[in-house]
Amino acid sequence: MIFTLDIQKKAAPIIRQTHKISLWPKAGADQSINEDINDLILTVEGFDNHVFALSKVEAKDLLTETNKVISVFVDIDENINSISDDSALVEKFRYALKALFKLRSLLHLASTKDVVVKKTPDNIREGLSAISRAAVLHNFLKHTH
């Protein structure tokens, strides 16, 4: 059985509620967003185990969608202290963001799992090494005089 995840759909209630700054976290609204954040965390962490069952195309598509959600969540995170005084809710939101970043890294691995990695030719490695040694020596001599 292959699992799928509609990350946009799971994140939409949280995004919608955090954009209503005047309502958050009033009575009832904080409970609703708490449940939505819990649902997102459980879904994302549960899906982590199924990422490598996705095809490269599916993983890449989900990676694109996850990046969109992360960009919105990062914007919210930058202003979250002005949105809520509830430190537990803020902490939970940041945990959800961390779970999204972990999902993104797994999706990146899954979408590039069959990419052939070519070894850097020796002449290029030696050239870079020589440039690095020269820079270190130059920096050392500059600071010793």
C-alpha atoms as a PDB file:
ATOM      1  CA  MET A   1       0.000   0.000   0.000  1.00  0.00           C
ATOM      2  CA  ILE A   2       1.408   3.398  -0.980  1.00  0.00           C
ATOM      3  CA  PHE A   3       0.525   6.360   1.167  1.00  0.00           C
ATOM      4  CA  THR A   4       0.119   9.862  -0.177  1.00  0.00           C
ATOM      5  CA  LEU A   5       0.152  13.186   1.581  1.00  0.00           C
ATOM      6  CA  ASP A   6      -1.611  16.396   0.601  1.00  0.00           C
ATOM      7  CA  ILE A   7       0.610  18.747   2.602  1.00  0.00           C
ATOM      8  CA  GLN A   8      -1.187  21.867   1.362  1.00  0.00           C
ATOM      9  CA  LYS A   9      -4.518  20.531   2.625  1.00  0.00           C
ATOM     10  CA  LYS A  10      -3.074  19.577   6.027  1.00  0.00           C
ATOM     11  CA  ALA A  11      -1.395  22.961   6.513  1.00  0.00           C
ATOM     12  CA  ALA A  12      -4.256  25.118   5.196  1.00  0.00           C
ATOM     13  CA  PRO A  13      -6.240  25.366   8.475  1.00  0.00           C
ATOM     14  CA  ILE A  14      -3.140  26.483  10.385  1.00  0.00           C
ATOM     15  CA  ILE A  15      -2.209  29.053   7.758  1.00  0.00           C
ATOM     16  CA  ARG A  16      -5.774  30.325   7.583  1.00  0.00           C
ATOM     17  CA  GLN A  17      -6.052  30.703  11.370  1.00  0.00           C
ATOM     18  CA  THR A  18      -2.671  32.379  11.836  1.00  0.00           C
ATOM     19  CA  HIS A  19      -3.569  34.970   9.223  1.00  0.00           C
ATOM     20  CA  LYS A  20      -6.496  35.983  11.391  1.00  0.00           C
ATOM     21  CA  ILE A  21      -4.183  37.566  13.967  1.00  0.00           C
ATOM     22  CA  SER A  22      -6.978  39.348  15.801  1.00  0.00           C
ATOM     23  CA  LEU A  23      -8.712  36.012  16.475  1.00  0.00           C
ATOM     24  CA  TRP A  24      -5.708  34.008  17.585  1.00  0.00           C
ATOM     25  CA  PRO A  25      -5.480  32.731  20.328  1.00  0.00           C
ATOM     26  CA  LYS A  26      -8.895  33.759  21.629  1.00  0.00           C
ATOM     27  CA  ALA A  27     -11.054  31.191  23.381  1.00  0.00           C
ATOM     28  CA  GLY A  28     -11.903  28.355  21.039  1.00  0.00           C
ATOM     29  CA  ALA A  29      -9.527  29.473  18.311  1.00  0.00           C
ATOM     30  CA  ASP A  30      -6.477  28.305  20.263  1.00  0.00           C
ATOM     31  CA  GLN A  31      -8.045  24.874  20.781  1.00  0.00           C
ATOM     32  CA  SER A  32      -8.826  24.577  17.086  1.00  0.00           C
ATOM     33  CA  ILE A  33      -5.322  25.549  15.969  1.00  0.00           C
ATOM     34  CA  ASN A  34      -3.861  23.265  18.640  1.00  0.00           C
ATOM     35  CA  GLU A  35      -5.743  20.346  17.116  1.00  0.00           C
ATOM     36  CA  ASP A  36      -4.714  21.345  13.583  1.00  0.00           C
ATOM     37  CA  ILE A  37      -1.044  21.598  14.567  1.00  0.00           C
ATOM     38  CA  ASN A  38      -1.231  18.228  16.342  1.00  0.00           C
ATOM     39  CA  ASP A  39      -2.810  16.698  13.252  1.00  0.00           C
ATOM     40  CA  LEU A  40      -0.117  18.144  10.986  1.00  0.00           C
ATOM     41  CA  ILE A  41       2.707  16.934  13.250  1.00  0.00           C
ATOM     42  CA  LEU A  42       1.289  13.415  13.515  1.00  0.00           C
ATOM     43  CA  THR A  43       0.647  13.219   9.775  1.00  0.00           C
ATOM     44  CA  VAL A  44       4.082  14.503   8.764  1.00  0.00           C
ATOM     45  CA  GLU A  45       5.974  12.360  11.278  1.00  0.00           C
ATOM     46  CA  GLY A  46       3.914   9.324  10.332  1.00  0.00           C
ATOM     47  CA  PHE A  47       4.576   9.915   6.655  1.00  0.00           C
ATOM     48  CA  ASP A  48       8.359  10.062   7.228  1.00  0.00           C
ATOM     49  CA  ASN A  49       8.427   6.262   7.250  1.00  0.00           C
ATOM     50  CA  HIS A  50       6.804   6.074   3.812  1.00  0.00           C
ATOM     51  CA  VAL A  51       8.825   8.678   1.897  1.00  0.00           C
ATOM     52  CA  PHE A  52      11.154   6.181   0.250  1.00  0.00           C
ATOM     53  CA  ALA A  53       8.188   4.197  -1.092  1.00  0.00           C
ATOM     54  CA  LEU A  54       7.386   7.161  -3.361  1.00  0.00           C
ATOM     55  CA  SER A  55       8.637   7.309  -6.915  1.00  0.00           C
ATOM     56  CA  LYS A  56      11.179   9.991  -7.737  1.00  0.00           C
ATOM     57  CA  VAL A  57       8.491  12.031  -9.513  1.00  0.00           C
ATOM     58  CA  GLU A  58       6.064  11.768  -6.584  1.00  0.00           C
ATOM     59  CA  ALA A  59       8.810  12.693  -4.137  1.00  0.00           C
ATOM     60  CA  LYS A  60       9.823  15.689  -6.247  1.00  0.00           C
ATOM     61  CA  ASP A  61       6.208  16.893  -6.543  1.00  0.00           C
ATOM     62  CA  LEU A  62       5.643  16.538  -2.805  1.00  0.00           C
ATOM     63  CA  LEU A  63       8.967  18.297  -2.181  1.00  0.00           C
ATOM     64  CA  THR A  64       7.737  21.270  -4.229  1.00  0.00           C
ATOM     65  CA  GLU A  65       4.481  21.411  -2.255  1.00  0.00           C
ATOM     66  CA  THR A  66       6.317  21.027   1.059  1.00  0.00           C
ATOM     67  CA  ASN A  67       8.646  23.901   0.171  1.00  0.00           C
ATOM     68  CA  LYS A  68       5.621  26.127  -0.464  1.00  0.00           C
ATOM     69  CA  VAL A  69       4.162  25.266   2.950  1.00  0.00           C
ATOM     70  CA  ILE A  70       7.523  25.766   4.656  1.00  0.00           C
ATOM     71  CA  SER A  71       7.925  29.238   3.145  1.00  0.00           C
ATOM     72  CA  VAL A  72       4.542  30.286   4.537  1.00  0.00           C
ATOM     73  CA  PHE A  73       5.314  28.707   7.917  1.00  0.00           C
ATOM     74  CA  VAL A  74       8.673  30.528   8.073  1.00  0.00           C
ATOM     75  CA  ASP A  75       6.863  33.824   7.438  1.00  0.00           C
ATOM     76  CA  ILE A  76       4.428  33.005  10.227  1.00  0.00           C
ATOM     77  CA  ASP A  77       7.282  31.980  12.516  1.00  0.00           C
ATOM     78  CA  GLU A  78       8.984  35.349  12.043  1.00  0.00           C
ATOM     79  CA  ASN A  79       5.867  37.074  13.409  1.00  0.00           C
ATOM     80  CA  ILE A  80       4.597  34.425  15.788  1.00  0.00           C
ATOM     81  CA  ASN A  81       5.471  36.286  18.966  1.00  0.00           C
ATOM     82  CA  SER A  82       3.188  39.132  17.901  1.00  0.00           C
ATOM     83  CA  ILE A  83       0.467  36.622  17.051  1.00  0.00           C
ATOM     84  CA  SER A  84       0.372  34.639  20.284  1.00  0.00           C
ATOM     85  CA  ASP A  85       1.466  34.918  23.897  1.00  0.00           C
ATOM     86  CA  ASP A  86       0.825  31.208  24.439  1.00  0.00           C
ATOM     87  CA  SER A  87       4.354  29.803  24.675  1.00  0.00           C
ATOM     88  CA  ALA A  88       3.146  26.192  24.462  1.00  0.00           C
ATOM     89  CA  LEU A  89       1.317  26.949  21.223  1.00  0.00           C
ATOM     90  CA  VAL A  90       4.342  28.777  19.797  1.00  0.00           C
ATOM     91  CA  GLU A  91       6.574  25.858  20.771  1.00  0.00           C
ATOM     92  CA  LYS A  92       4.182  23.395  19.144  1.00  0.00           C
ATOM     93  CA  PHE A  93       4.101  25.502  15.956  1.00  0.00           C
ATOM     94  CA  ARG A  94       7.899  25.520  15.845  1.00  0.00           C
ATOM     95  CA  TYR A  95       7.942  21.764  16.350  1.00  0.00           C
ATOM     96  CA  ALA A  96       5.597  21.430  13.365  1.00  0.00           C
ATOM     97  CA  LEU A  97       7.990  23.575  11.329  1.00  0.00           C
ATOM     98  CA  LYS A  98      10.877  21.346  12.394  1.00  0.00           C
ATOM     99  CA  ALA A  99       8.889  18.260  11.307  1.00  0.00           C
ATOM    100  CA  LEU A 100       8.282  19.904   7.925  1.00  0.00           C
ATOM    101  CA  PHE A 101      12.005  20.581   7.505  1.00  0.00           C
ATOM    102  CA  LYS A 102      12.745  16.932   8.293  1.00  0.00           C
ATOM    103  CA  LEU A 103      10.147  15.822   5.739  1.00  0.00           C
ATOM    104  CA  ARG A 104      11.719  18.147   3.181  1.00  0.00           C
ATOM    105  CA  SER A 105      15.156  16.618   3.725  1.00  0.00           C
ATOM    106  CA  LEU A 106      13.779  13.085   3.365  1.00  0.00           C
ATOM    107  CA  LEU A 107      11.886  14.057   0.206  1.00  0.00           C
ATOM    108  CA  HIS A 108      15.048  15.581  -1.228  1.00  0.00           C
ATOM    109  CA  LEU A 109      16.906  12.327  -0.578  1.00  0.00           C
ATOM    110  CA  ALA A 110      14.084  10.279  -2.089  1.00  0.00           C
ATOM    111  CA  SER A 111      13.858  12.462  -5.186  1.00  0.00           C
ATOM    112  CA  THR A 112      17.590  12.237  -5.848  1.00  0.00           C
ATOM    113  CA  LYS A 113      18.230   8.653  -4.709  1.00  0.00           C
ATOM    114  CA  ASP A 114      19.185   7.356  -8.159  1.00  0.00           C
ATOM    115  CA  VAL A 115      21.253  10.334  -9.288  1.00  0.00           C
ATOM    116  CA  VAL A 116      24.692   9.231 -10.408  1.00  0.00           C
ATOM    117  CA  VAL A 117      27.471  10.968  -8.529  1.00  0.00           C
ATOM    118  CA  LYS A 118      30.602  11.455 -10.581  1.00  0.00           C
ATOM    119  CA  LYS A 119      34.007  11.504  -8.969  1.00  0.00           C
ATOM    120  CA  THR A 120      35.887  14.782  -9.313  1.00  0.00           C
ATOM    121  CA  PRO A 121      38.874  14.310 -11.621  1.00  0.00           C
ATOM    122  CA  ASP A 122      42.238  14.212  -9.867  1.00  0.00           C
ATOM    123  CA  ASN A 123      43.638  17.218 -11.750  1.00  0.00           C
ATOM    124  CA  ILE A 124      40.760  19.410 -10.507  1.00  0.00           C
ATOM    125  CA  ARG A 125      41.124  18.136  -6.936  1.00  0.00           C
ATOM    126  CA  GLU A 126      44.870  18.793  -7.017  1.00  0.00           C
ATOM    127  CA  GLY A 127      44.320  22.271  -8.461  1.00  0.00           C
ATOM    128  CA  LEU A 128      41.796  23.163  -5.747  1.00  0.00           C
ATOM    129  CA  SER A 129      44.141  21.804  -3.107  1.00  0.00           C
ATOM    130  CA  ALA A 130      47.014  23.929  -4.439  1.00  0.00           C
ATOM    131  CA  ILE A 131      44.825  27.057  -4.454  1.00  0.00           C
ATOM    132  CA  SER A 132      43.720  26.327  -0.895  1.00  0.00           C
ATOM    133  CA  ARG A 133      47.301  25.773   0.319  1.00  0.00           C
ATOM    134  CA  ALA A 134      48.413  29.012  -1.339  1.00  0.00           C
ATOM    135  CA  ALA A 135      45.556  30.940   0.277  1.00  0.00           C
ATOM    136  CA  VAL A 136      46.326  29.520   3.719  1.00  0.00           C
ATOM    137  CA  LEU A 137      50.027  30.289   3.332  1.00  0.00           C
ATOM    138  CA  HIS A 138      49.285  33.824   2.120  1.00  0.00           C
ATOM    139  CA  ASN A 139      46.908  34.416   5.043  1.00  0.00           C
ATOM    140  CA  PHE A 140      49.467  33.011   7.502  1.00  0.00           C
ATOM    141  CA  LEU A 141      52.295  35.198   6.145  1.00  0.00           C
ATOM    142  CA  LYS A 142      50.029  38.265   6.160  1.00  0.00           C
ATOM    143  CA  HIS A 143      49.300  37.844   9.870  1.00  0.00           C
ATOM    144  CA  THR A 144      52.853  36.995  10.962  1.00  0.00           C
ATOM    145  CA  HIS A 145      54.440  40.203   9.619  1.00  0.00           C
END
